[in-house]
N, C-alpha and C. Protein backbone atom coordinates (compact mmCIF):
# COMPACT_ATOMS: atom_id res chain seq x y z
N LYS A 1 307.61 208.48 147.76
CA LYS A 1 307.48 208.16 146.51
C LYS A 1 308.56 206.99 146.12
N ASN A 2 308.14 206.14 145.27
CA ASN A 2 308.89 205.06 144.80
C ASN A 2 309.23 205.32 143.31
N THR A 3 310.44 205.81 143.04
CA THR A 3 310.99 205.91 141.83
C THR A 3 311.74 205.11 141.36
N GLY A 4 311.55 203.94 140.60
CA GLY A 4 312.60 202.90 140.27
C GLY A 4 313.27 202.22 141.52
N ARG A 5 314.46 202.15 141.43
CA ARG A 5 315.13 201.28 142.50
C ARG A 5 315.27 202.15 143.82
N ARG A 6 315.17 203.58 143.57
CA ARG A 6 315.37 204.31 144.50
C ARG A 6 314.19 205.04 145.28
N LYS A 7 313.88 205.12 146.70
CA LYS A 7 312.77 205.38 147.36
C LYS A 7 313.06 206.86 147.79
N HIS A 8 312.41 207.71 147.52
CA HIS A 8 312.29 209.23 148.03
C HIS A 8 310.90 209.45 148.61
N SER A 9 311.21 210.13 149.78
CA SER A 9 310.01 210.27 150.44
C SER A 9 310.03 211.99 150.96
N LEU A 10 309.14 212.61 150.79
CA LEU A 10 308.95 214.15 151.09
C LEU A 10 307.60 214.42 151.58
N HIS A 11 307.47 214.79 152.85
CA HIS A 11 306.05 215.34 153.68
C HIS A 11 306.25 216.59 154.01
N TYR A 12 305.51 217.46 153.68
CA TYR A 12 305.40 219.06 154.08
C TYR A 12 303.79 219.40 154.33
N ALA A 13 303.65 219.52 155.65
CA ALA A 13 302.43 219.65 156.30
C ALA A 13 301.55 220.89 155.73
N PHE A 14 302.14 221.92 155.18
CA PHE A 14 301.60 223.19 154.66
C PHE A 14 300.74 223.75 155.93
N PRO A 15 301.78 224.16 157.02
CA PRO A 15 300.80 224.79 158.12
C PRO A 15 300.20 226.04 157.72
N PHE A 16 298.97 226.10 158.40
CA PHE A 16 298.11 227.47 158.15
C PHE A 16 298.93 228.59 158.65
N SER A 17 298.67 229.71 158.04
CA SER A 17 299.32 231.14 158.72
C SER A 17 298.76 231.15 160.17
N ASP A 18 299.51 232.10 160.98
CA ASP A 18 298.97 232.52 162.06
C ASP A 18 297.73 233.27 161.90
N GLU A 19 297.68 234.04 161.02
CA GLU A 19 296.27 234.92 160.74
C GLU A 19 295.30 234.03 160.29
N TRP A 20 295.39 232.93 159.47
CA TRP A 20 294.16 232.25 159.41
C TRP A 20 293.66 231.33 160.30
N ASN A 21 294.45 231.01 161.35
CA ASN A 21 294.24 230.25 162.45
C ASN A 21 293.52 231.26 163.58
N ALA A 22 293.98 232.51 163.58
CA ALA A 22 293.24 233.59 164.54
C ALA A 22 292.04 233.73 164.00
N TRP A 23 291.81 233.96 162.82
CA TRP A 23 290.35 234.25 162.26
C TRP A 23 289.47 233.06 162.31
N MET A 24 289.85 232.04 162.03
CA MET A 24 289.14 230.54 162.06
C MET A 24 288.86 230.45 163.63
N ALA A 25 289.42 230.76 164.46
CA ALA A 25 289.10 230.50 166.03
C ALA A 25 288.05 231.51 166.45
N ALA A 26 288.31 232.52 165.78
CA ALA A 26 287.21 233.63 166.20
C ALA A 26 285.94 233.62 165.52
N SER A 27 285.81 232.88 164.36
CA SER A 27 284.72 232.67 163.38
C SER A 27 283.52 231.86 164.14
N GLY A 28 282.45 232.81 164.02
CA GLY A 28 281.08 232.09 164.43
C GLY A 28 280.94 232.30 165.85
N LYS A 29 281.87 232.89 166.58
CA LYS A 29 281.60 233.06 168.11
C LYS A 29 281.00 234.34 168.64
N TRP A 30 280.23 234.38 169.37
CA TRP A 30 279.72 235.63 169.85
C TRP A 30 280.53 236.29 170.80
N MET A 31 280.97 237.63 170.76
CA MET A 31 281.82 238.25 171.58
C MET A 31 281.37 239.32 172.23
N THR A 32 281.81 239.47 173.58
CA THR A 32 281.26 240.80 174.33
C THR A 32 282.02 242.23 173.58
N GLN A 33 281.52 243.23 173.98
CA GLN A 33 282.35 244.50 173.24
C GLN A 33 283.52 244.54 173.48
N THR A 34 284.03 244.03 174.79
CA THR A 34 285.47 244.05 175.02
C THR A 34 286.34 242.91 174.31
N ASP A 35 285.62 241.83 174.25
CA ASP A 35 286.53 240.74 173.31
C ASP A 35 286.43 241.13 172.00
N PHE A 36 285.64 241.83 171.41
CA PHE A 36 285.45 242.11 170.12
C PHE A 36 286.58 243.24 169.89
N ALA A 37 286.67 244.18 170.81
CA ALA A 37 287.92 245.25 170.65
C ALA A 37 289.08 244.73 170.85
N GLU A 38 289.43 243.82 171.77
CA GLU A 38 290.73 243.35 171.91
C GLU A 38 291.08 242.42 170.71
N PHE A 39 290.24 241.72 170.24
CA PHE A 39 290.63 241.08 168.91
C PHE A 39 290.88 241.84 167.81
N LEU A 40 289.94 242.73 167.54
CA LEU A 40 290.31 243.81 166.23
C LEU A 40 291.56 244.47 166.66
N GLU A 41 291.78 244.81 167.81
CA GLU A 41 293.31 245.47 168.05
C GLU A 41 294.42 244.72 167.72
N ASP A 42 294.28 243.57 168.24
CA ASP A 42 295.38 242.64 167.71
C ASP A 42 295.38 242.09 166.23
N HIS A 43 294.31 242.33 165.52
CA HIS A 43 294.36 241.68 164.26
C HIS A 43 293.84 242.72 163.04
N ILE A 44 293.81 244.12 163.47
CA ILE A 44 293.17 245.07 162.71
C ILE A 44 294.10 245.28 161.13
N VAL A 45 295.45 244.78 161.37
CA VAL A 45 296.47 244.74 160.29
C VAL A 45 295.92 243.82 158.98
N ASP A 46 295.18 242.80 159.43
CA ASP A 46 294.75 241.92 158.33
C ASP A 46 293.33 242.56 157.74
N VAL A 47 292.78 243.54 158.22
CA VAL A 47 291.58 244.05 157.56
C VAL A 47 292.06 245.11 156.35
N LEU A 48 291.44 244.86 155.20
CA LEU A 48 291.60 245.67 154.13
C LEU A 48 290.88 246.92 153.92
N PRO A 49 291.23 248.07 153.30
CA PRO A 49 290.30 249.17 153.13
C PRO A 49 288.93 248.62 152.41
N ALA A 50 287.81 249.26 152.74
CA ALA A 50 286.51 249.06 152.30
C ALA A 50 286.53 248.99 150.72
N PRO A 51 286.25 248.06 149.97
CA PRO A 51 286.18 248.25 148.56
C PRO A 51 285.11 249.29 148.11
N SER A 52 285.51 249.96 146.96
CA SER A 52 284.44 251.06 146.44
C SER A 52 283.82 249.93 145.45
N SER A 53 282.66 250.52 144.83
CA SER A 53 281.76 250.03 143.87
C SER A 53 282.74 249.66 142.86
N THR A 54 283.51 250.48 142.25
CA THR A 54 284.39 250.49 141.38
C THR A 54 285.27 249.00 141.45
N ASP A 55 285.82 249.03 142.57
CA ASP A 55 286.69 247.84 143.11
C ASP A 55 285.97 246.73 142.69
N LEU A 56 284.51 246.72 143.16
CA LEU A 56 283.77 245.32 143.17
C LEU A 56 283.52 245.08 141.84
N GLU A 57 283.69 245.92 140.69
CA GLU A 57 283.34 245.71 139.33
C GLU A 57 284.62 244.97 138.60
N ASP A 58 285.73 244.99 139.28
CA ASP A 58 286.97 244.06 138.69
C ASP A 58 286.53 242.68 138.82
N ASP A 59 286.72 241.95 137.84
CA ASP A 59 286.57 240.63 137.76
C ASP A 59 287.30 239.77 138.94
N ARG A 60 288.34 240.14 139.56
CA ARG A 60 288.90 239.43 140.56
C ARG A 60 288.02 239.55 141.81
N PHE A 61 287.01 240.21 142.01
CA PHE A 61 285.93 240.34 142.92
C PHE A 61 285.07 239.41 142.75
N GLY A 62 284.62 239.09 141.72
CA GLY A 62 283.85 237.97 141.38
C GLY A 62 282.68 237.65 142.13
N ASN A 63 282.83 236.74 142.98
CA ASN A 63 281.71 235.94 144.02
C ASN A 63 281.79 236.92 145.14
N ILE A 64 282.86 237.64 145.56
CA ILE A 64 282.56 238.68 146.76
C ILE A 64 281.54 239.62 146.29
N ALA A 65 281.66 240.34 145.32
CA ALA A 65 280.72 241.42 144.75
C ALA A 65 279.31 240.85 144.77
N GLU A 66 279.24 239.63 144.41
CA GLU A 66 277.71 238.94 144.19
C GLU A 66 277.02 238.80 145.48
N PHE A 67 278.04 238.12 146.51
CA PHE A 67 277.70 237.88 148.03
C PHE A 67 277.31 239.23 148.60
N ALA A 68 278.12 240.29 148.41
CA ALA A 68 277.60 241.70 149.01
C ALA A 68 276.46 242.16 148.55
N ARG A 69 276.24 241.90 147.22
CA ARG A 69 275.08 242.46 146.78
C ARG A 69 273.72 241.76 147.35
N LEU A 70 273.87 240.61 147.47
CA LEU A 70 272.70 239.47 147.89
C LEU A 70 272.54 239.85 149.25
N ILE A 71 273.55 240.08 150.07
CA ILE A 71 272.95 240.60 151.78
C ILE A 71 273.06 241.98 151.68
N GLY A 72 273.11 242.63 150.96
CA GLY A 72 272.79 244.01 151.04
C GLY A 72 274.14 244.64 151.68
N GLY A 73 275.21 244.11 151.32
CA GLY A 73 276.51 244.73 151.98
C GLY A 73 276.71 245.98 152.06
N LYS A 74 276.99 246.39 153.33
CA LYS A 74 277.73 247.83 153.75
C LYS A 74 278.97 247.66 154.14
N TRP A 75 280.11 247.93 153.56
CA TRP A 75 281.64 247.66 153.73
C TRP A 75 282.00 248.57 154.92
N ALA A 76 283.05 247.99 155.75
CA ALA A 76 283.76 248.82 156.50
C ALA A 76 285.19 248.70 156.34
N GLY A 77 285.90 249.77 156.61
CA GLY A 77 287.59 249.47 156.54
C GLY A 77 288.12 249.52 157.79
N PRO A 78 289.33 249.37 157.89
CA PRO A 78 289.83 249.48 159.30
C PRO A 78 289.36 250.39 160.23
N ALA A 79 289.31 251.79 159.86
CA ALA A 79 288.94 252.76 160.79
C ALA A 79 287.77 252.63 161.60
N GLU A 80 286.61 252.44 160.39
CA GLU A 80 285.25 252.10 161.04
C GLU A 80 284.84 250.62 162.03
N LEU A 81 285.96 249.69 161.61
CA LEU A 81 285.84 248.61 162.43
C LEU A 81 286.51 248.91 163.94
N MET A 82 287.55 249.71 163.82
CA MET A 82 287.99 250.21 165.35
C MET A 82 287.01 251.04 166.05
N ALA A 83 286.27 251.90 165.17
CA ALA A 83 285.64 252.94 165.95
C ALA A 83 284.19 252.03 166.67
N LEU A 84 283.80 251.02 165.59
CA LEU A 84 282.90 250.14 166.28
C LEU A 84 283.28 249.25 167.49
N SER A 85 284.61 248.92 167.55
CA SER A 85 285.09 248.00 168.67
C SER A 85 285.18 249.22 169.89
N ARG A 86 285.20 250.30 169.57
CA ARG A 86 285.43 251.07 170.91
C ARG A 86 284.15 251.49 171.46
N GLY A 87 283.06 251.23 170.93
CA GLY A 87 281.66 251.42 171.56
C GLY A 87 280.75 251.75 170.51
N LEU A 88 279.57 251.40 170.74
CA LEU A 88 278.39 251.77 169.70
C LEU A 88 277.12 252.16 170.74
N ARG A 89 276.56 253.08 170.51
CA ARG A 89 275.36 253.69 171.32
C ARG A 89 274.28 253.19 170.47
N ILE A 90 273.52 252.22 171.31
CA ILE A 90 272.32 251.99 170.35
C ILE A 90 271.08 252.14 171.23
N ASN A 91 270.28 252.88 170.80
CA ASN A 91 268.92 253.10 171.60
C ASN A 91 267.94 251.92 170.92
N VAL A 92 267.51 251.15 171.95
CA VAL A 92 266.48 250.00 171.37
C VAL A 92 265.11 250.53 171.88
N GLU A 93 264.43 250.49 171.07
CA GLU A 93 262.64 250.60 171.25
C GLU A 93 262.08 249.35 170.85
N GLN A 94 261.32 248.80 171.89
CA GLN A 94 260.70 247.62 171.62
C GLN A 94 259.14 247.75 171.83
N LYS A 95 258.60 247.14 170.94
CA LYS A 95 256.84 247.25 171.08
C LYS A 95 256.52 245.61 170.86
N VAL A 96 255.60 245.48 171.59
CA VAL A 96 254.71 244.22 171.60
C VAL A 96 253.35 244.57 171.38
N VAL A 97 252.54 243.94 170.37
CA VAL A 97 251.20 244.28 170.38
C VAL A 97 250.67 242.56 170.34
N ASP A 98 249.47 242.43 171.39
CA ASP A 98 249.14 241.31 171.46
C ASP A 98 247.39 241.63 171.33
N GLN A 99 247.12 241.08 170.10
CA GLN A 99 245.83 241.14 169.48
C GLN A 99 245.19 239.88 169.64
N ARG A 100 243.74 239.75 170.06
CA ARG A 100 243.03 238.74 170.30
C ARG A 100 241.55 238.78 170.03
N VAL A 101 241.13 237.80 169.16
CA VAL A 101 239.57 237.89 169.10
C VAL A 101 239.04 236.64 169.79
N LEU A 102 238.17 237.42 170.79
CA LEU A 102 237.68 236.47 171.95
C LEU A 102 236.59 235.36 171.28
N ASN A 103 235.79 235.60 170.24
CA ASN A 103 234.85 235.06 169.72
C ASN A 103 235.42 233.77 169.00
N SER A 104 236.67 233.93 168.34
CA SER A 104 237.34 232.68 167.51
C SER A 104 238.36 232.11 168.34
N GLY A 105 238.91 232.96 169.24
CA GLY A 105 240.06 232.29 170.05
C GLY A 105 241.52 232.73 168.97
N GLU A 106 241.52 233.56 167.98
CA GLU A 106 242.37 233.80 167.18
C GLU A 106 243.33 234.77 168.03
N ALA A 107 244.60 234.61 167.66
CA ALA A 107 245.65 235.60 168.44
C ALA A 107 246.73 235.83 167.47
N ARG A 108 247.10 237.29 167.79
CA ARG A 108 248.30 237.60 167.00
C ARG A 108 249.22 238.28 167.92
N LEU A 109 250.51 238.01 167.80
CA LEU A 109 251.56 238.65 168.63
C LEU A 109 252.71 239.08 167.90
N THR A 110 252.69 240.35 167.99
CA THR A 110 253.62 241.15 166.99
C THR A 110 254.93 241.63 167.92
N PHE A 111 256.14 241.37 167.45
CA PHE A 111 257.21 241.91 168.30
C PHE A 111 257.92 242.89 167.39
N GLU A 112 258.18 244.11 167.72
CA GLU A 112 259.15 245.02 167.01
C GLU A 112 260.09 245.63 167.70
N SER A 113 261.28 245.62 167.31
CA SER A 113 262.62 246.19 167.82
C SER A 113 263.26 247.11 166.85
N THR A 114 263.34 248.30 167.22
CA THR A 114 263.93 249.31 166.46
C THR A 114 265.36 249.89 167.00
N HIS A 115 266.27 249.91 166.26
CA HIS A 115 267.46 250.49 166.83
C HIS A 115 267.88 251.64 166.15
N THR A 116 268.34 252.74 167.12
CA THR A 116 268.60 254.24 166.56
C THR A 116 269.92 254.56 167.29
N ASN A 117 270.57 255.55 166.45
CA ASN A 117 271.39 256.05 167.15
C ASN A 117 271.13 257.36 168.04
N GLU A 118 272.18 258.02 168.57
CA GLU A 118 271.92 258.88 169.84
C GLU A 118 271.07 259.85 169.30
N GLN A 119 270.97 260.20 168.02
CA GLN A 119 270.05 261.27 167.53
C GLN A 119 268.68 261.02 167.05
N GLY A 120 268.53 259.74 167.33
CA GLY A 120 267.11 259.21 167.10
C GLY A 120 267.00 258.62 165.54
N GLU A 121 268.13 258.60 164.84
CA GLU A 121 268.13 258.19 163.52
C GLU A 121 268.28 256.62 163.48
N PRO A 122 267.61 256.09 162.48
CA PRO A 122 267.78 254.57 162.30
C PRO A 122 269.44 254.31 162.28
N LEU A 123 269.73 253.14 162.65
CA LEU A 123 271.06 252.80 162.88
C LEU A 123 271.50 252.08 161.84
N SER A 124 272.69 252.51 161.20
CA SER A 124 273.40 251.82 160.09
C SER A 124 274.71 251.51 160.32
N VAL A 125 274.75 249.87 161.01
CA VAL A 125 276.12 249.62 160.98
C VAL A 125 276.64 248.63 160.05
N PRO A 126 277.83 248.86 159.32
CA PRO A 126 278.49 248.02 158.47
C PRO A 126 278.31 246.53 158.83
N ASN A 127 278.03 245.53 157.69
CA ASN A 127 277.72 244.39 158.00
C ASN A 127 278.87 243.39 157.18
N LEU A 128 279.80 244.23 156.54
CA LEU A 128 280.90 243.33 155.88
C LEU A 128 282.41 244.15 156.02
N PHE A 129 283.24 243.38 155.95
CA PHE A 129 284.48 243.90 155.87
C PHE A 129 285.48 242.87 155.16
N LEU A 130 286.61 243.31 154.79
CA LEU A 130 287.38 242.47 153.91
C LEU A 130 288.74 242.10 154.51
N LEU A 131 289.07 240.73 154.61
CA LEU A 131 290.47 240.45 155.18
C LEU A 131 291.37 240.19 153.90
N GLY A 132 292.56 240.66 154.27
CA GLY A 132 293.68 240.09 153.40
C GLY A 132 294.82 239.44 154.23
N ILE A 133 294.58 238.10 153.94
CA ILE A 133 295.20 236.97 154.79
C ILE A 133 295.87 236.08 154.10
N PRO A 134 297.23 235.40 154.26
CA PRO A 134 297.46 234.19 153.80
C PRO A 134 296.84 232.99 154.29
N VAL A 135 296.29 231.93 153.55
CA VAL A 135 296.01 230.67 154.00
C VAL A 135 297.15 229.89 154.80
N PHE A 136 298.13 229.84 154.02
CA PHE A 136 299.16 228.98 154.53
C PHE A 136 300.38 229.91 154.88
N GLU A 137 301.17 229.47 155.76
CA GLU A 137 302.48 230.05 156.19
C GLU A 137 303.16 230.48 155.06
N GLU A 138 303.56 231.71 155.01
CA GLU A 138 304.15 232.36 153.98
C GLU A 138 303.80 232.19 152.46
N GLY A 139 302.43 232.07 152.43
CA GLY A 139 301.77 231.82 151.06
C GLY A 139 301.29 233.15 150.69
N PRO A 140 300.60 233.09 149.54
CA PRO A 140 300.11 234.60 149.08
C PRO A 140 298.83 234.76 150.04
N VAL A 141 298.58 236.21 149.85
CA VAL A 141 297.54 236.83 150.73
C VAL A 141 296.15 236.60 149.92
N TRP A 142 295.21 236.16 150.25
CA TRP A 142 293.90 236.07 149.80
C TRP A 142 292.85 237.09 150.38
N ARG A 143 291.86 237.52 149.48
CA ARG A 143 290.84 238.34 150.02
C ARG A 143 289.48 237.39 150.54
N ILE A 144 289.30 237.95 151.93
CA ILE A 144 288.28 236.95 152.25
C ILE A 144 287.03 238.06 152.95
N PRO A 145 285.91 237.83 152.45
CA PRO A 145 284.96 238.88 153.14
C PRO A 145 284.58 238.34 154.41
N VAL A 146 284.03 239.10 155.37
CA VAL A 146 283.53 238.70 156.69
C VAL A 146 282.46 239.54 156.90
N ARG A 147 281.48 238.53 157.33
CA ARG A 147 280.25 238.93 157.55
C ARG A 147 280.18 239.70 159.06
N LEU A 148 279.56 240.62 159.42
CA LEU A 148 279.63 241.24 160.82
C LEU A 148 278.16 241.51 161.19
N ARG A 149 278.09 241.04 162.35
CA ARG A 149 276.50 241.12 163.10
C ARG A 149 276.72 241.48 164.38
N TYR A 150 275.81 242.26 165.10
CA TYR A 150 275.37 242.55 166.49
C TYR A 150 274.09 242.24 166.94
N ARG A 151 274.26 242.04 168.30
CA ARG A 151 273.05 241.91 169.07
C ARG A 151 272.89 242.66 170.31
N VAL A 152 271.90 243.24 170.60
CA VAL A 152 271.82 244.01 171.77
C VAL A 152 270.94 243.14 173.08
N ALA A 153 271.43 242.88 174.07
CA ALA A 153 270.65 242.19 175.10
C ALA A 153 271.11 242.32 176.13
N GLY A 154 270.23 242.83 177.19
CA GLY A 154 270.54 243.00 178.67
C GLY A 154 271.34 244.23 178.83
N GLY A 155 271.11 245.50 177.68
CA GLY A 155 271.86 246.48 177.86
C GLY A 155 273.35 246.41 177.18
N SER A 156 273.76 245.36 176.97
CA SER A 156 275.19 245.23 176.13
C SER A 156 275.16 244.57 174.75
N VAL A 157 276.10 245.01 174.21
CA VAL A 157 276.30 244.72 172.74
C VAL A 157 277.16 243.44 172.45
N SER A 158 276.81 242.59 171.70
CA SER A 158 277.54 241.45 171.32
C SER A 158 277.82 241.43 169.77
N TRP A 159 279.15 240.72 169.48
CA TRP A 159 279.46 240.80 168.11
C TRP A 159 279.66 239.52 167.66
N ILE A 160 279.56 239.19 166.09
CA ILE A 160 279.93 237.83 165.79
C ILE A 160 280.49 238.16 164.27
N MET A 161 281.58 237.60 164.11
CA MET A 161 282.24 237.58 162.73
C MET A 161 282.21 236.49 161.95
N GLU A 162 281.70 236.33 160.82
CA GLU A 162 281.66 235.01 160.10
C GLU A 162 282.37 235.07 158.80
N PRO A 163 283.67 234.95 158.55
CA PRO A 163 284.30 234.66 157.38
C PRO A 163 283.52 233.93 156.20
N TRP A 164 283.29 234.56 155.09
CA TRP A 164 282.54 233.78 154.10
C TRP A 164 283.33 232.89 153.40
N ASN A 165 282.93 231.77 152.87
CA ASN A 165 283.41 230.63 152.21
C ASN A 165 284.87 230.29 152.31
N MET A 166 285.07 230.21 153.63
CA MET A 166 286.58 229.92 154.01
C MET A 166 286.99 228.41 153.23
N GLN A 167 286.08 227.51 153.23
CA GLN A 167 286.68 226.19 152.85
C GLN A 167 286.70 226.37 151.29
N GLU A 168 286.16 226.95 150.48
CA GLU A 168 286.66 227.12 149.23
C GLU A 168 287.83 228.38 148.93
N THR A 169 288.06 228.93 149.92
CA THR A 169 289.41 229.71 149.83
C THR A 169 290.55 228.69 150.00
N PHE A 170 290.20 227.88 151.23
CA PHE A 170 291.22 226.75 151.44
C PHE A 170 291.50 226.03 150.29
N ARG A 171 290.46 225.52 149.74
CA ARG A 171 290.85 224.45 148.50
C ARG A 171 291.53 225.30 147.44
N GLN A 172 291.26 226.63 147.28
CA GLN A 172 291.86 227.26 145.99
C GLN A 172 293.25 227.42 146.05
N ALA A 173 293.54 227.85 147.62
CA ALA A 173 294.87 228.14 148.12
C ALA A 173 295.85 226.72 148.05
N ALA A 174 295.04 225.78 148.28
CA ALA A 174 295.93 224.22 148.57
C ALA A 174 296.29 223.92 146.98
N ARG A 175 295.22 224.06 146.03
CA ARG A 175 295.31 223.72 144.55
C ARG A 175 296.28 224.53 144.04
N GLU A 176 296.45 225.75 144.55
CA GLU A 176 297.66 226.77 143.81
C GLU A 176 298.92 226.22 144.04
N LEU A 177 298.91 226.01 145.47
CA LEU A 177 300.26 225.60 145.85
C LEU A 177 300.72 224.25 145.34
N ALA A 178 299.73 223.66 145.17
CA ALA A 178 300.15 221.88 144.74
C ALA A 178 300.54 222.30 143.00
N GLU A 179 299.84 223.10 142.44
CA GLU A 179 300.32 223.25 140.99
C GLU A 179 301.56 224.10 141.10
N LEU A 180 301.86 224.82 141.84
CA LEU A 180 303.28 225.53 141.88
C LEU A 180 304.33 224.72 142.15
N ALA A 181 303.92 223.64 143.19
CA ALA A 181 304.98 222.54 143.40
C ALA A 181 305.30 221.71 142.34
N ALA A 182 304.27 221.48 141.52
CA ALA A 182 304.35 220.43 140.42
C ALA A 182 305.27 221.26 139.25
N ALA A 183 304.92 222.55 139.18
CA ALA A 183 305.70 223.35 138.10
C ALA A 183 306.98 223.40 138.39
N GLU A 184 307.15 223.64 139.54
CA GLU A 184 308.84 224.11 140.01
C GLU A 184 309.74 222.62 139.99
N THR A 185 308.79 221.62 140.43
CA THR A 185 309.68 220.44 140.45
C THR A 185 309.80 219.58 139.05
N GLY A 186 308.60 219.88 138.35
CA GLY A 186 308.62 219.18 136.90
C GLY A 186 308.18 217.73 137.46
N LEU A 187 307.58 217.45 138.51
CA LEU A 187 306.89 216.05 138.78
C LEU A 187 305.55 216.29 138.41
N PRO A 188 304.88 214.96 138.25
CA PRO A 188 303.40 214.91 138.28
C PRO A 188 302.75 215.30 139.44
N LEU A 189 301.48 215.63 139.35
CA LEU A 189 300.81 216.29 140.64
C LEU A 189 299.70 215.25 140.86
N ILE A 190 299.73 214.57 141.83
CA ILE A 190 298.80 213.41 142.13
C ILE A 190 298.18 214.01 143.53
N TYR A 191 296.85 213.97 143.51
CA TYR A 191 296.22 214.18 144.87
C TYR A 191 295.83 212.69 145.49
N GLY A 192 295.70 213.08 146.94
CA GLY A 192 295.59 211.96 147.77
C GLY A 192 296.82 211.24 148.55
N ALA A 193 296.38 210.17 149.11
CA ALA A 193 297.58 209.71 150.18
C ALA A 193 298.41 208.80 149.57
N PRO A 194 299.83 208.55 149.83
CA PRO A 194 300.67 207.81 149.12
C PRO A 194 300.24 206.42 149.57
N THR A 195 300.64 205.24 148.69
CA THR A 195 300.38 203.87 149.26
C THR A 195 301.63 203.49 149.85
N THR A 196 301.56 202.33 150.82
CA THR A 196 302.83 201.95 151.61
C THR A 196 303.24 200.66 150.87
């Protein structure tokens, strides 16, 4: 920054937190049951207790509550996630119905897959959990909902975790730190790269 006759320059890279890096690296990748269990075991301290419906009425949850409502969210806390990571017994019943009308050549193929638990009851697996992690090193903790899905193929279960709205969380966290720096230094806040 050029301030009159004196030149001052400060560069701070705002490094991401270890927690942010770990969850971003795992985001959107299908994991085997073993990989899922190992990842959760290493990072379970980042998982917040499942929010109650009363918690979700709090304005601070705003978009999180709406997102959960839209996808029919069923929340898990740390204990439920660890139980899932240790194994899930799923009975899969598959039906294929092939209907053909020989006169017209019309065909309809229907594929139905039903997942039940050991007692034969419909399986209800949580599809959301809540992270509490800093975006930047030594920064404040942000609540980030994570969508959890599973697939059964070849007799094994795979898992995928997809943190929701990570880019918006990043933008808000960066804006908050920039405004804090401006307030504490008394200098104007300018976004963009410095000119040479």
